[in-house]
């Protein structure tokens, strides 16, 4: 019952090139986002360094532990980055020859 209606619909819309258009879904490459931030120096947990409780100090290492978390930098790319912003903390970079050799054959160092 559905097949004749489907064939009629395809014939009616065949001249509109609706079914035969170039790629139906174009995939956009998502830009990588870097979460890298320089880690502050290691905090002191010695009680003499804090006049009051360590929990009352601003940017204390107990409550603001995510401030001290390390994040990886972005991986290198095969092509040379086109737009370089010198103000970026983690700018894109090109693979070195050694990195490229490792990607080509991870068993050879």
Protein backbone atom coordinates (compact mmCIF):
# COMPACT_ATOMS: atom_id res chain seq x y z
CA UNK A 1 0.00 0.00 0.00
CA UNK A 2 2.80 2.42 0.78
CA UNK A 3 5.01 1.47 -2.17
CA UNK A 4 2.79 2.95 -4.95
CA UNK A 5 2.45 6.22 -3.02
CA UNK A 6 6.20 6.36 -2.45
CA UNK A 7 6.96 5.76 -6.13
CA UNK A 8 4.48 8.48 -7.15
CA UNK A 9 6.07 10.94 -4.70
CA UNK A 10 9.59 10.18 -5.96
CA UNK A 11 8.50 10.67 -9.60
CA UNK A 12 6.80 13.96 -8.73
CA UNK A 13 9.87 15.34 -6.96
CA UNK A 14 12.54 13.84 -9.25
CA UNK A 15 12.64 16.89 -11.48
CA UNK A 16 13.33 19.14 -8.47
CA UNK A 17 16.68 17.41 -7.83
CA UNK A 18 15.69 17.08 -4.22
CA UNK A 19 16.89 13.50 -3.92
CA UNK A 20 20.03 13.79 -6.04
CA UNK A 21 21.63 16.92 -4.66
CA UNK A 22 25.31 16.84 -3.64
CA UNK A 23 26.11 15.70 -0.12
CA UNK A 24 22.99 15.78 1.95
CA UNK A 25 24.77 16.54 5.19
CA UNK A 26 27.85 18.68 5.08
CA UNK A 27 30.08 18.09 8.04
CA UNK A 28 31.87 21.05 9.47
CA UNK A 29 35.16 20.47 11.17
CA UNK A 30 34.86 21.53 14.76
CA UNK A 31 37.58 23.82 16.00
CA UNK A 32 39.57 22.42 18.87
CA UNK A 33 39.29 24.36 22.08
CA UNK A 34 42.21 24.50 24.42
CA UNK A 35 41.57 24.38 28.14
CA UNK A 36 45.26 24.92 28.91
CA UNK A 37 46.10 27.58 31.47
CA UNK A 38 49.44 28.03 33.19
CA UNK A 39 49.27 26.40 36.61
CA UNK A 40 50.05 28.71 39.54
CA UNK A 41 52.91 27.77 41.85
CA UNK A 42 52.27 24.95 44.29
CA UNK A 43 50.25 26.21 47.25
CA UNK A 44 51.49 26.13 50.81
CA UNK A 45 49.57 24.12 53.38
CA UNK A 46 51.65 25.32 56.33
CA UNK A 47 49.45 26.95 59.01
CA UNK A 48 51.96 29.75 59.61
CA UNK A 49 51.38 31.06 56.09
CA UNK A 50 47.72 31.84 56.83
CA UNK A 51 46.70 34.34 59.54
CA UNK A 52 43.19 32.81 59.60
CA UNK A 53 41.80 29.54 58.36
CA UNK A 54 43.08 28.31 54.98
CA UNK A 55 39.45 28.04 53.84
CA UNK A 56 38.93 31.80 54.28
CA UNK A 57 41.90 32.76 52.11
CA UNK A 58 41.14 33.87 48.53
CA UNK A 59 42.12 31.29 45.90
CA UNK A 60 42.72 28.64 48.51
CA UNK A 61 43.83 25.24 47.20
CA UNK A 62 41.03 23.34 48.93
CA UNK A 63 37.93 25.13 47.65
CA UNK A 64 39.43 26.29 44.32
CA UNK A 65 41.09 23.01 43.41
CA UNK A 66 40.07 23.33 39.73
CA UNK A 67 42.29 26.42 39.56
CA UNK A 68 45.29 24.15 40.19
CA UNK A 69 44.23 21.39 37.77
CA UNK A 70 46.49 20.79 34.79
CA UNK A 71 45.10 20.60 31.26
CA UNK A 72 46.82 19.25 28.19
CA UNK A 73 47.82 21.51 25.34
CA UNK A 74 46.31 21.08 21.88
CA UNK A 75 47.96 18.40 19.74
CA UNK A 76 50.10 19.49 16.80
CA UNK A 77 48.75 19.53 13.25
CA UNK A 78 50.30 18.15 10.08
CA UNK A 79 49.86 21.43 8.19
CA UNK A 80 51.39 24.71 9.18
CA UNK A 81 48.82 26.83 11.07
CA UNK A 82 47.68 29.76 8.94
CA UNK A 83 46.45 32.26 11.53
CA UNK A 84 48.78 32.72 14.48
CA UNK A 85 47.75 34.95 17.34
CA UNK A 86 50.76 35.76 19.56
CA UNK A 87 48.44 36.61 22.46
CA UNK A 88 47.13 33.04 22.71
CA UNK A 89 48.32 30.95 25.63
CA UNK A 90 48.19 27.72 23.62
CA UNK A 91 48.74 28.63 19.94
CA UNK A 92 48.44 25.96 17.22
CA UNK A 93 51.73 24.44 16.14
CA UNK A 94 53.10 22.16 13.44
CA UNK A 95 54.44 18.68 14.17
CA UNK A 96 58.17 18.32 14.54
CA UNK A 97 59.98 15.71 12.42
CA UNK A 98 60.30 13.43 15.43
CA UNK A 99 56.56 13.65 16.20
CA UNK A 100 55.72 13.01 12.56
CA UNK A 101 57.97 9.96 12.54
CA UNK A 102 56.28 8.66 15.65
CA UNK A 103 52.83 9.09 14.12
CA UNK A 104 54.00 7.30 10.98
CA UNK A 105 55.43 4.35 12.95
CA UNK A 106 54.83 4.28 16.72
CA UNK A 107 57.16 1.30 17.21
CA UNK A 108 60.24 3.10 15.89
CA UNK A 109 61.77 5.74 18.10
